[in-house]
C-alpha atoms as a PDB file:
ATOM      1  CA  MET A   1     -33.701  -8.988 156.343  1.00  0.00           C
ATOM      2  CA  ASN A   2     -32.269  -6.270 158.804  1.00  0.00           C
ATOM      3  CA  ASP A   3     -28.535  -5.825 158.163  1.00  0.00           C
ATOM      4  CA  GLU A   4     -27.247  -3.427 160.860  1.00  0.00           C
ATOM      5  CA  GLY A   5     -30.351  -1.261 160.791  1.00  0.00           C
ATOM      6  CA  VAL A   6     -30.873  -1.403 156.947  1.00  0.00           C
ATOM      7  CA  VAL A   7     -33.856  -3.405 155.904  1.00  0.00           C
ATOM      8  CA  GLU A   8     -33.282  -5.426 152.694  1.00  0.00           C
ATOM      9  CA  ASP A   9     -35.042  -7.837 150.523  1.00  0.00           C
ATOM     10  CA  TYR A  10     -32.291 -10.470 150.680  1.00  0.00           C
ATOM     11  CA  GLY A  11     -31.917 -14.288 149.484  1.00  0.00           C
ATOM     12  CA  LEU A  12     -29.384 -16.353 147.981  1.00  0.00           C
ATOM     13  CA  GLY A  13     -26.551 -13.900 148.163  1.00  0.00           C
ATOM     14  CA  VAL A  14     -28.377 -11.129 146.301  1.00  0.00           C
ATOM     15  CA  ALA A  15     -30.237  -8.071 147.826  1.00  0.00           C
ATOM     16  CA  ARG A  16     -32.832  -6.013 146.198  1.00  0.00           C
ATOM     17  CA  ILE A  17     -32.269  -2.217 146.944  1.00  0.00           C
ATOM     18  CA  ARG A  18     -34.815   0.518 146.437  1.00  0.00           C
ATOM     19  CA  PHE A  19     -33.474   3.607 144.764  1.00  0.00           C
ATOM     20  CA  SER A  20     -35.490   6.615 143.536  1.00  0.00           C
ATOM     21  CA  CYS A  21     -34.933   5.547 139.891  1.00  0.00           C
ATOM     22  CA  GLY A  22     -36.083   2.008 140.607  1.00  0.00           C
ATOM     23  CA  TYR A  23     -34.801  -1.210 142.135  1.00  0.00           C
ATOM     24  CA  ALA A  24     -31.151  -2.583 142.099  1.00  0.00           C
ATOM     25  CA  TRP A  25     -29.878  -6.126 142.567  1.00  0.00           C
ATOM     26  CA  GLY A  26     -26.510  -6.623 144.152  1.00  0.00           C
ATOM     27  CA  HIS A  27     -24.470  -7.618 147.142  1.00  0.00           C
ATOM     28  CA  ASP A  28     -22.113  -5.844 149.632  1.00  0.00           C
ATOM     29  CA  GLY A  29     -19.068  -7.196 150.912  1.00  0.00           C
ATOM     30  CA  GLY A  30     -15.476  -6.519 152.252  1.00  0.00           C
ATOM     31  CA  PHE A  31     -11.836  -7.565 152.572  1.00  0.00           C
ATOM     32  CA  PRO A  32      -9.798  -6.533 155.484  1.00  0.00           C
ATOM     33  CA  GLY A  33      -9.551  -2.800 155.198  1.00  0.00           C
ATOM     34  CA  TYR A  34     -11.967  -2.448 152.138  1.00  0.00           C
ATOM     35  CA  ARG A  35     -15.735  -2.362 151.523  1.00  0.00           C
ATOM     36  CA  THR A  36     -17.575  -2.789 148.304  1.00  0.00           C
ATOM     37  CA  TRP A  37     -21.317  -2.273 147.172  1.00  0.00           C
ATOM     38  CA  THR A  38     -22.285  -3.356 143.764  1.00  0.00           C
ATOM     39  CA  TYR A  39     -25.526  -2.971 141.995  1.00  0.00           C
ATOM     40  CA  THR A  40     -27.115  -3.571 138.754  1.00  0.00           C
ATOM     41  CA  SER A  41     -30.754  -2.972 137.323  1.00  0.00           C
ATOM     42  CA  ALA A  42     -32.778  -5.959 136.171  1.00  0.00           C
ATOM     43  CA  ASP A  43     -32.400  -4.828 132.552  1.00  0.00           C
ATOM     44  CA  GLY A  44     -28.591  -4.337 132.935  1.00  0.00           C
ATOM     45  CA  HIS A  45     -28.856  -0.638 131.980  1.00  0.00           C
ATOM     46  CA  ARG A  46     -27.544   0.710 135.217  1.00  0.00           C
ATOM     47  CA  GLN A  47     -24.585  -0.396 137.324  1.00  0.00           C
ATOM     48  CA  ALA A  48     -22.890   1.244 140.181  1.00  0.00           C
ATOM     49  CA  VAL A  49     -19.879  -0.210 142.418  1.00  0.00           C
ATOM     50  CA  ILE A  50     -18.780   1.795 145.370  1.00  0.00           C
ATOM     51  CA  THR A  51     -15.550   0.785 147.059  1.00  0.00           C
ATOM     52  CA  TYR A  52     -14.274   2.657 150.192  1.00  0.00           C
ATOM     53  CA  ASN A  53     -11.663   2.060 152.965  1.00  0.00           C
ATOM     54  CA  ALA A  54     -13.050   0.428 156.119  1.00  0.00           C
ATOM     55  CA  SER A  55     -12.793   2.629 159.162  1.00  0.00           C
ATOM     56  CA  ALA A  56     -14.515   3.613 162.474  1.00  0.00           C
ATOM     57  CA  LEU A  57     -16.753   6.017 160.528  1.00  0.00           C
ATOM     58  CA  GLU A  58     -18.818   3.120 159.266  1.00  0.00           C
ATOM     59  CA  SER A  59     -20.982   3.371 162.455  1.00  0.00           C
ATOM     60  CA  ASP A  60     -21.441   7.134 162.113  1.00  0.00           C
ATOM     61  CA  GLU A  61     -24.949   8.006 161.059  1.00  0.00           C
ATOM     62  CA  LYS A  62     -23.848  10.927 158.819  1.00  0.00           C
ATOM     63  CA  PHE A  63     -21.217   8.653 157.017  1.00  0.00           C
ATOM     64  CA  ARG A  64     -23.666   6.113 156.354  1.00  0.00           C
ATOM     65  CA  ALA A  65     -26.132   8.709 154.992  1.00  0.00           C
ATOM     66  CA  ASP A  66     -23.500  10.091 152.791  1.00  0.00           C
ATOM     67  CA  LEU A  67     -22.662   6.769 151.460  1.00  0.00           C
ATOM     68  CA  GLY A  68     -26.247   6.111 150.582  1.00  0.00           C
ATOM     69  CA  LYS A  69     -26.525   9.346 148.831  1.00  0.00           C
ATOM     70  CA  ALA A  70     -23.166   8.298 146.901  1.00  0.00           C
ATOM     71  CA  ALA A  71     -24.938   5.005 146.061  1.00  0.00           C
ATOM     72  CA  GLU A  72     -28.157   6.747 144.986  1.00  0.00           C
ATOM     73  CA  THR A  73     -26.215   9.211 142.709  1.00  0.00           C
ATOM     74  CA  ALA A  74     -24.066   6.464 141.186  1.00  0.00           C
ATOM     75  CA  PHE A  75     -26.848   4.389 140.349  1.00  0.00           C
ATOM     76  CA  CYS A  76     -29.423   6.857 139.125  1.00  0.00           C
ATOM     77  CA  ALA A  77     -27.392   9.718 137.754  1.00  0.00           C
END
């Protein structure tokens, strides 16, 4: 699936995301004013949750790259 330029393995409400330390399973979502990404490894040893305020920055490439780096660090560190 291609979600706003991000290609994901997605089905039944769960996405498989590739990180440098392995795959994560999770979902993103939002509520007016907020966005959340949640990830877990298949064995349950790694989890990460990223929550941020929704803003016009979400369409900015640098912001999206920084958010991806934050997700990588949170999941793999």
